[in-house]
C-alpha atoms as a PDB file:
ATOM      1  CA  MET A   1     135.117  80.397  75.977  1.00  0.00           C
ATOM      2  CA  ILE A   2     133.973  82.403  79.036  1.00  0.00           C
ATOM      3  CA  GLU A   3     130.233  83.222  79.481  1.00  0.00           C
ATOM      4  CA  VAL A   4     129.609  86.487  81.196  1.00  0.00           C
ATOM      5  CA  LEU A   5     126.276  86.935  82.986  1.00  0.00           C
ATOM      6  CA  ASN A   6     124.624  90.254  83.518  1.00  0.00           C
ATOM      7  CA  PRO A   7     122.780  90.155  86.887  1.00  0.00           C
ATOM      8  CA  THR A   8     120.995  93.544  86.438  1.00  0.00           C
ATOM      9  CA  ALA A   9     117.259  93.628  86.005  1.00  0.00           C
ATOM     10  CA  GLY A  10     117.150  96.661  83.924  1.00  0.00           C
ATOM     11  CA  PRO A  11     115.286  99.909  84.616  1.00  0.00           C
ATOM     12  CA  ALA A  12     112.228  99.898  86.839  1.00  0.00           C
ATOM     13  CA  THR A  13     109.033  99.759  84.906  1.00  0.00           C
ATOM     14  CA  GLY A  14     106.428 100.134  87.685  1.00  0.00           C
ATOM     15  CA  LYS A  15     105.180 103.142  89.356  1.00  0.00           C
ATOM     16  CA  ILE A  16     105.776 103.868  93.029  1.00  0.00           C
ATOM     17  CA  MET A  17     103.069 105.715  94.751  1.00  0.00           C
ATOM     18  CA  MET A  18     103.847 107.553  98.108  1.00  0.00           C
ATOM     19  CA  ALA A  19     101.511 106.718 100.987  1.00  0.00           C
ATOM     20  CA  GLU A  20      98.986 109.381 101.939  1.00  0.00           C
ATOM     21  CA  ARG A  21     100.365 111.664 104.732  1.00  0.00           C
ATOM     22  CA  THR A  22      98.593 111.497 108.143  1.00  0.00           C
ATOM     23  CA  GLY A  23      99.057 115.198 108.991  1.00  0.00           C
ATOM     24  CA  THR A  24      99.979 114.362 112.591  1.00  0.00           C
ATOM     25  CA  LEU A  25     101.164 111.327 114.539  1.00  0.00           C
ATOM     26  CA  ASP A  26      99.097 112.265 117.652  1.00  0.00           C
ATOM     27  CA  GLY A  27      96.961 109.358 118.798  1.00  0.00           C
ATOM     28  CA  LEU A  28      98.200 107.034 116.036  1.00  0.00           C
ATOM     29  CA  ARG A  29      99.542 103.548 116.426  1.00  0.00           C
ATOM     30  CA  LEU A  30     103.086 103.529 115.195  1.00  0.00           C
ATOM     31  CA  GLY A  31     104.644 100.489 113.602  1.00  0.00           C
ATOM     32  CA  VAL A  32     108.487 100.020 113.299  1.00  0.00           C
ATOM     33  CA  ILE A  33     110.267  97.427 111.178  1.00  0.00           C
ATOM     34  CA  TRP A  34     113.984  97.210 111.820  1.00  0.00           C
ATOM     35  CA  ASN A  35     115.984  95.197 109.285  1.00  0.00           C
ATOM     36  CA  GLY A  36     118.445  93.880 111.836  1.00  0.00           C
ATOM     37  CA  ARG A  37     121.601  95.582 110.749  1.00  0.00           C
ATOM     38  CA  PRO A  38     124.010  96.423 113.626  1.00  0.00           C
ATOM     39  CA  TYR A  39     123.056  99.479 115.753  1.00  0.00           C
ATOM     40  CA  GLY A  40     119.923 100.057 113.696  1.00  0.00           C
ATOM     41  CA  ASP A  41     117.728  99.410 116.867  1.00  0.00           C
ATOM     42  CA  ARG A  42     119.600 102.215 118.628  1.00  0.00           C
ATOM     43  CA  VAL A  43     119.013 104.661 115.660  1.00  0.00           C
ATOM     44  CA  ILE A  44     115.385 103.760 115.431  1.00  0.00           C
ATOM     45  CA  ASN A  45     114.722 103.975 119.184  1.00  0.00           C
ATOM     46  CA  SER A  46     116.472 107.375 119.134  1.00  0.00           C
ATOM     47  CA  VAL A  47     114.052 108.551 116.252  1.00  0.00           C
ATOM     48  CA  ILE A  48     111.138 107.155 118.327  1.00  0.00           C
ATOM     49  CA  ASP A  49     112.286 109.088 121.392  1.00  0.00           C
ATOM     50  CA  LEU A  50     112.528 112.306 119.295  1.00  0.00           C
ATOM     51  CA  LEU A  51     109.052 111.646 117.835  1.00  0.00           C
ATOM     52  CA  ARG A  52     107.652 111.173 121.329  1.00  0.00           C
ATOM     53  CA  GLN A  53     108.793 114.684 122.275  1.00  0.00           C
ATOM     54  CA  LYS A  54     106.499 116.036 119.633  1.00  0.00           C
ATOM     55  CA  TYR A  55     103.653 113.391 119.388  1.00  0.00           C
ATOM     56  CA  SER A  56     101.681 111.348 121.648  1.00  0.00           C
ATOM     57  CA  PHE A  57     101.244 107.739 120.193  1.00  0.00           C
ATOM     58  CA  GLU A  58      98.533 105.370 121.155  1.00  0.00           C
ATOM     59  CA  SER A  59     101.028 102.595 120.900  1.00  0.00           C
ATOM     60  CA  VAL A  60     104.324 101.647 119.188  1.00  0.00           C
ATOM     61  CA  THR A  61     104.817  98.125 117.699  1.00  0.00           C
ATOM     62  CA  PHE A  62     108.574  97.330 117.181  1.00  0.00           C
ATOM     63  CA  ARG A  63     109.503  94.304 115.010  1.00  0.00           C
ATOM     64  CA  LYS A  64     112.788  93.012 113.828  1.00  0.00           C
ATOM     65  CA  LYS A  65     113.093  91.160 110.438  1.00  0.00           C
ATOM     66  CA  PRO A  66     114.624  87.758 110.985  1.00  0.00           C
ATOM     67  CA  PHE A  67     117.126  88.200 108.164  1.00  0.00           C
ATOM     68  CA  ILE A  68     118.758  91.395 106.883  1.00  0.00           C
ATOM     69  CA  GLY A  69     118.749  90.593 103.284  1.00  0.00           C
ATOM     70  CA  ASN A  70     115.054  89.658 102.832  1.00  0.00           C
ATOM     71  CA  VAL A  71     111.828  91.584 102.990  1.00  0.00           C
ATOM     72  CA  ALA A  72     109.904  91.412 106.215  1.00  0.00           C
ATOM     73  CA  PRO A  73     107.917  88.041 106.294  1.00  0.00           C
ATOM     74  CA  ALA A  74     104.200  88.231 105.544  1.00  0.00           C
ATOM     75  CA  SER A  75     103.458  87.617 109.269  1.00  0.00           C
ATOM     76  CA  ILE A  76     105.190  90.840 110.304  1.00  0.00           C
ATOM     77  CA  ARG A  77     103.754  92.843 107.418  1.00  0.00           C
ATOM     78  CA  ASP A  78     100.276  91.641 108.091  1.00  0.00           C
ATOM     79  CA  GLU A  79     100.634  92.460 111.891  1.00  0.00           C
ATOM     80  CA  ILE A  80     101.901  95.852 111.198  1.00  0.00           C
ATOM     81  CA  VAL A  81      99.141  96.619 108.563  1.00  0.00           C
ATOM     82  CA  GLU A  82      96.451  95.355 110.929  1.00  0.00           C
ATOM     83  CA  SER A  83      97.595  97.126 114.083  1.00  0.00           C
ATOM     84  CA  CYS A  84      99.322 100.368 112.929  1.00  0.00           C
ATOM     85  CA  ASP A  85      98.365 103.617 111.384  1.00  0.00           C
ATOM     86  CA  ALA A  86     101.897 104.823 110.375  1.00  0.00           C
ATOM     87  CA  VAL A  87     105.109 102.862 109.822  1.00  0.00           C
ATOM     88  CA  ILE A  88     108.828 103.687 109.903  1.00  0.00           C
ATOM     89  CA  THR A  89     111.596 101.396 108.791  1.00  0.00           C
ATOM     90  CA  GLY A  90     115.334 101.717 109.288  1.00  0.00           C
ATOM     91  CA  ILE A  91     118.807 100.378 109.027  1.00  0.00           C
ATOM     92  CA  GLY A  92     121.964 100.598 110.971  1.00  0.00           C
ATOM     93  CA  ASP A  93     125.745 100.372 110.699  1.00  0.00           C
END
């Protein structure tokens, strides 16, 4: 006898709400969370460079998750929430 397991969780049941848009990034504190995938830092830094051509940030906080497969640890999330007005995340490869 072979037991077959189904690892799927089924359809999502919660609601996802989009964050309210800032309108402009001028003068805001930008947070960046990189998941650590190869070359993702280059991609995100290129995006930041492009954004800097259009907007003037007060600051940019760049953090890397310690492990690709997990969500960012609470310490990183808390820091970003407390010190940033807008956040971008990204991957690589």
